[in-house]
Structure formats: C-alpha cells, structure tokens
Amino acid sequence: MSATTPFSYFPIVLQLLAALGFVGITMVATHFLGPKRKTKDKLINFESGIEQIGNARQPVAIKYFLTAILFVLFDVEVIFFYPYAVNFRELGWEGFLAMLMFVAFFMGGFFYIVKKGALKWED
C-alpha cells in the first residue's frame, strides 16, 4: 500500500489552478478587448428571438415545469448507466440482471407518464 502524501494531490491542484487561471484570463481579456458601444437597443432584454412584451410575472403553463422535471428525472437516471458500462465485465450476470431490473423500472415510469398524458401538449 502506498501512503498518500501532499505531493500526490499536486496534479489535481495544478489542473484546478490552470482552470481558474483560464477563466480569469478569459474574463479579463473579454472585458478589455470587447466592444464598449452601449446603445438603447443593445441594453434591452432579448430572449430567444422574442421581443419583450408586457409583464414577465404572468402565469406560465404547468406543462413547461412538468417537462423540465421529467427531463431532469430521466437524465439523472441515465447517469446510473455509467458505472455499469465501466464495470460490466466484473459485474457479470448479476450486474446484467440488476441493470435489466433498473431499465424495467425506468421504462415502467416512462410508460406511466405517457399513459397519464404528461407529455401531451394539446389542450
């Protein structure tokens, strides 16, 4: 067994410093090199090609939030496939059966939300 020394963390610290340095240099460079012309048209809010009309505090359809929550839920579930993909040979048939059960629960949830109409956008 090798002992962990502070020098063992040197590559991590070096990479962290390189990343922070890159971010800092990029922010400073864009501040100094970027254009400075601030006109009335450039200072207004602009979102996805839609002009700003009315109050932003109007109610939004719940279907947007439901779609976002379902995306996050299924996206996080897909992350659990990564450990299996890395260790599938060592896990053998037990791991394969566990993943089949996981996929079955995953698909069961997906078919449930489809049956309930959570993904239908018509009113």
C-alpha atoms as a PDB file:
ATOM      1  CA  MET A   1       0.000   0.000   0.000  1.00  0.00           C
ATOM      2  CA  SER A   2       1.332   3.395  -0.879  1.00  0.00           C
ATOM      3  CA  ALA A   3       0.991   6.247   1.539  1.00  0.00           C
ATOM      4  CA  THR A   4      -0.846   9.329   0.411  1.00  0.00           C
ATOM      5  CA  THR A   5       1.374  12.365   0.571  1.00  0.00           C
ATOM      6  CA  PRO A   6       0.514  16.015  -0.060  1.00  0.00           C
ATOM      7  CA  PHE A   7       2.525  15.770  -3.279  1.00  0.00           C
ATOM      8  CA  SER A   8       0.015  13.167  -4.534  1.00  0.00           C
ATOM      9  CA  TYR A   9      -2.530  15.980  -4.872  1.00  0.00           C
ATOM     10  CA  PHE A  10      -0.204  18.126  -6.988  1.00  0.00           C
ATOM     11  CA  PRO A  11      -1.783  17.154 -10.372  1.00  0.00           C
ATOM     12  CA  ILE A  12      -5.254  17.999  -9.055  1.00  0.00           C
ATOM     13  CA  VAL A  13      -4.117  21.354  -7.691  1.00  0.00           C
ATOM     14  CA  LEU A  14      -2.267  22.086 -10.925  1.00  0.00           C
ATOM     15  CA  GLN A  15      -5.352  21.332 -13.021  1.00  0.00           C
ATOM     16  CA  LEU A  16      -7.541  23.429 -10.719  1.00  0.00           C
ATOM     17  CA  LEU A  17      -5.129  26.356 -10.977  1.00  0.00           C
ATOM     18  CA  ALA A  18      -4.996  26.013 -14.767  1.00  0.00           C
ATOM     19  CA  ALA A  19      -8.805  26.013 -15.000  1.00  0.00           C
ATOM     20  CA  LEU A  20      -9.205  29.003 -12.684  1.00  0.00           C
ATOM     21  CA  GLY A  21      -6.417  30.836 -14.492  1.00  0.00           C
ATOM     22  CA  PHE A  22      -8.071  30.217 -17.857  1.00  0.00           C
ATOM     23  CA  VAL A  23     -11.407  31.512 -16.573  1.00  0.00           C
ATOM     24  CA  GLY A  24      -9.789  34.572 -15.003  1.00  0.00           C
ATOM     25  CA  ILE A  25      -7.697  35.431 -18.061  1.00  0.00           C
ATOM     26  CA  THR A  26     -10.690  34.958 -20.367  1.00  0.00           C
ATOM     27  CA  MET A  27     -12.887  37.243 -18.266  1.00  0.00           C
ATOM     28  CA  VAL A  28     -10.244  39.955 -18.056  1.00  0.00           C
ATOM     29  CA  ALA A  29      -9.444  39.693 -21.782  1.00  0.00           C
ATOM     30  CA  THR A  30     -13.089  39.981 -22.828  1.00  0.00           C
ATOM     31  CA  HIS A  31     -13.528  42.971 -20.533  1.00  0.00           C
ATOM     32  CA  PHE A  32     -10.636  44.831 -22.133  1.00  0.00           C
ATOM     33  CA  LEU A  33     -10.974  43.599 -25.724  1.00  0.00           C
ATOM     34  CA  GLY A  34     -14.771  43.602 -26.054  1.00  0.00           C
ATOM     35  CA  PRO A  35     -16.784  46.378 -27.700  1.00  0.00           C
ATOM     36  CA  LYS A  36     -17.846  49.265 -25.484  1.00  0.00           C
ATOM     37  CA  ARG A  37     -20.725  50.740 -27.529  1.00  0.00           C
ATOM     38  CA  LYS A  38     -23.816  50.622 -25.319  1.00  0.00           C
ATOM     39  CA  THR A  39     -26.891  51.766 -27.208  1.00  0.00           C
ATOM     40  CA  LYS A  40     -30.527  51.654 -26.160  1.00  0.00           C
ATOM     41  CA  ASP A  41     -31.189  48.710 -28.487  1.00  0.00           C
ATOM     42  CA  LYS A  42     -28.277  46.699 -27.072  1.00  0.00           C
ATOM     43  CA  LEU A  43     -29.321  47.217 -23.459  1.00  0.00           C
ATOM     44  CA  ILE A  44     -32.876  45.864 -23.753  1.00  0.00           C
ATOM     45  CA  ASN A  45     -33.669  42.281 -22.776  1.00  0.00           C
ATOM     46  CA  PHE A  46     -33.941  39.850 -25.690  1.00  0.00           C
ATOM     47  CA  GLU A  47     -34.852  36.215 -25.247  1.00  0.00           C
ATOM     48  CA  SER A  48     -34.837  33.582 -27.990  1.00  0.00           C
ATOM     49  CA  GLY A  49     -35.832  35.969 -30.749  1.00  0.00           C
ATOM     50  CA  ILE A  50     -38.971  37.083 -28.910  1.00  0.00           C
ATOM     51  CA  GLU A  51     -39.449  40.785 -28.316  1.00  0.00           C
ATOM     52  CA  GLN A  52     -40.256  41.855 -24.777  1.00  0.00           C
ATOM     53  CA  ILE A  53     -43.993  42.481 -24.442  1.00  0.00           C
ATOM     54  CA  GLY A  54     -45.900  43.008 -21.230  1.00  0.00           C
ATOM     55  CA  ASN A  55     -45.135  41.872 -17.707  1.00  0.00           C
ATOM     56  CA  ALA A  56     -42.790  38.968 -17.068  1.00  0.00           C
ATOM     57  CA  ARG A  57     -44.811  37.976 -13.987  1.00  0.00           C
ATOM     58  CA  GLN A  58     -47.652  36.343 -15.902  1.00  0.00           C
ATOM     59  CA  PRO A  59     -48.555  32.702 -15.173  1.00  0.00           C
ATOM     60  CA  VAL A  60     -46.784  30.008 -17.187  1.00  0.00           C
ATOM     61  CA  ALA A  61     -48.403  26.721 -18.156  1.00  0.00           C
ATOM     62  CA  ILE A  62     -47.565  23.880 -15.774  1.00  0.00           C
ATOM     63  CA  LYS A  63     -46.614  21.687 -18.746  1.00  0.00           C
ATOM     64  CA  TYR A  64     -43.310  23.568 -19.087  1.00  0.00           C
ATOM     65  CA  PHE A  65     -42.389  22.768 -15.498  1.00  0.00           C
ATOM     66  CA  LEU A  66     -43.585  19.173 -15.794  1.00  0.00           C
ATOM     67  CA  THR A  67     -41.471  18.639 -18.903  1.00  0.00           C
ATOM     68  CA  ALA A  68     -38.423  20.142 -17.166  1.00  0.00           C
ATOM     69  CA  ILE A  69     -38.881  17.957 -14.075  1.00  0.00           C
ATOM     70  CA  LEU A  70     -39.326  14.820 -16.183  1.00  0.00           C
ATOM     71  CA  PHE A  71     -36.211  15.681 -18.186  1.00  0.00           C
ATOM     72  CA  VAL A  72     -34.141  16.081 -15.023  1.00  0.00           C
ATOM     73  CA  LEU A  73     -35.573  12.869 -13.550  1.00  0.00           C
ATOM     74  CA  PHE A  74     -34.797  10.725 -16.592  1.00  0.00           C
ATOM     75  CA  ASP A  75     -31.472  12.443 -17.204  1.00  0.00           C
ATOM     76  CA  VAL A  76     -30.306  11.608 -13.690  1.00  0.00           C
ATOM     77  CA  GLU A  77     -31.492   8.023 -14.078  1.00  0.00           C
ATOM     78  CA  VAL A  78     -29.436   7.629 -17.249  1.00  0.00           C
ATOM     79  CA  ILE A  79     -26.336   8.668 -15.281  1.00  0.00           C
ATOM     80  CA  PHE A  80     -26.651   5.412 -13.339  1.00  0.00           C
ATOM     81  CA  PHE A  81     -25.799   3.505 -16.523  1.00  0.00           C
ATOM     82  CA  TYR A  82     -22.219   4.806 -16.401  1.00  0.00           C
ATOM     83  CA  PRO A  83     -20.943   2.616 -13.516  1.00  0.00           C
ATOM     84  CA  TYR A  84     -22.414  -0.437 -15.209  1.00  0.00           C
ATOM     85  CA  ALA A  85     -20.784   0.461 -18.529  1.00  0.00           C
ATOM     86  CA  VAL A  86     -17.406   0.828 -16.835  1.00  0.00           C
ATOM     87  CA  ASN A  87     -17.608  -2.407 -14.815  1.00  0.00           C
ATOM     88  CA  PHE A  88     -19.876  -4.634 -16.874  1.00  0.00           C
ATOM     89  CA  ARG A  89     -17.357  -7.497 -17.123  1.00  0.00           C
ATOM     90  CA  GLU A  90     -16.678  -7.619 -13.385  1.00  0.00           C
ATOM     91  CA  LEU A  91     -20.401  -7.427 -12.537  1.00  0.00           C
ATOM     92  CA  GLY A  92     -21.243 -10.469 -14.635  1.00  0.00           C
ATOM     93  CA  TRP A  93     -24.766 -11.828 -14.886  1.00  0.00           C
ATOM     94  CA  GLU A  94     -25.827 -10.395 -11.527  1.00  0.00           C
ATOM     95  CA  GLY A  95     -24.980  -6.912 -12.718  1.00  0.00           C
ATOM     96  CA  PHE A  96     -26.731  -7.540 -16.015  1.00  0.00           C
ATOM     97  CA  LEU A  97     -29.904  -8.686 -14.256  1.00  0.00           C
ATOM     98  CA  ALA A  98     -29.739  -5.691 -11.917  1.00  0.00           C
ATOM     99  CA  MET A  99     -29.491  -3.379 -14.925  1.00  0.00           C
ATOM    100  CA  LEU A 100     -32.411  -5.165 -16.588  1.00  0.00           C
ATOM    101  CA  MET A 101     -34.482  -4.551 -13.456  1.00  0.00           C
ATOM    102  CA  PHE A 102     -33.381  -0.910 -13.417  1.00  0.00           C
ATOM    103  CA  VAL A 103     -34.349  -0.495 -17.077  1.00  0.00           C
ATOM    104  CA  ALA A 104     -37.690  -2.203 -16.397  1.00  0.00           C
ATOM    105  CA  PHE A 105     -38.473   0.265 -13.589  1.00  0.00           C
ATOM    106  CA  PHE A 106     -37.215   3.102 -15.767  1.00  0.00           C
ATOM    107  CA  MET A 107     -39.430   2.086 -18.688  1.00  0.00           C
ATOM    108  CA  GLY A 108     -42.356   1.457 -16.345  1.00  0.00           C
ATOM    109  CA  GLY A 109     -42.128   5.039 -15.147  1.00  0.00           C
ATOM    110  CA  PHE A 110     -41.813   6.309 -18.690  1.00  0.00           C
ATOM    111  CA  PHE A 111     -44.877   4.384 -19.892  1.00  0.00           C
ATOM    112  CA  TYR A 112     -46.796   5.591 -16.828  1.00  0.00           C
ATOM    113  CA  ILE A 113     -46.197   9.252 -17.621  1.00  0.00           C
ATOM    114  CA  VAL A 114     -47.016   8.668 -21.289  1.00  0.00           C
ATOM    115  CA  LYS A 115     -50.276   6.923 -20.318  1.00  0.00           C
ATOM    116  CA  LYS A 116     -51.184   9.761 -17.945  1.00  0.00           C
ATOM    117  CA  GLY A 117     -50.659  12.221 -20.818  1.00  0.00           C
ATOM    118  CA  ALA A 118     -47.881  14.191 -19.146  1.00  0.00           C
ATOM    119  CA  LEU A 119     -46.115  14.688 -22.481  1.00  0.00           C
ATOM    120  CA  LYS A 120     -49.179  15.790 -24.487  1.00  0.00           C
ATOM    121  CA  TRP A 121     -49.126  19.485 -25.357  1.00  0.00           C
ATOM    122  CA  GLU A 122     -52.649  19.795 -26.771  1.00  0.00           C
ATOM    123  CA  ASP A 123     -55.252  21.451 -24.568  1.00  0.00           C
END
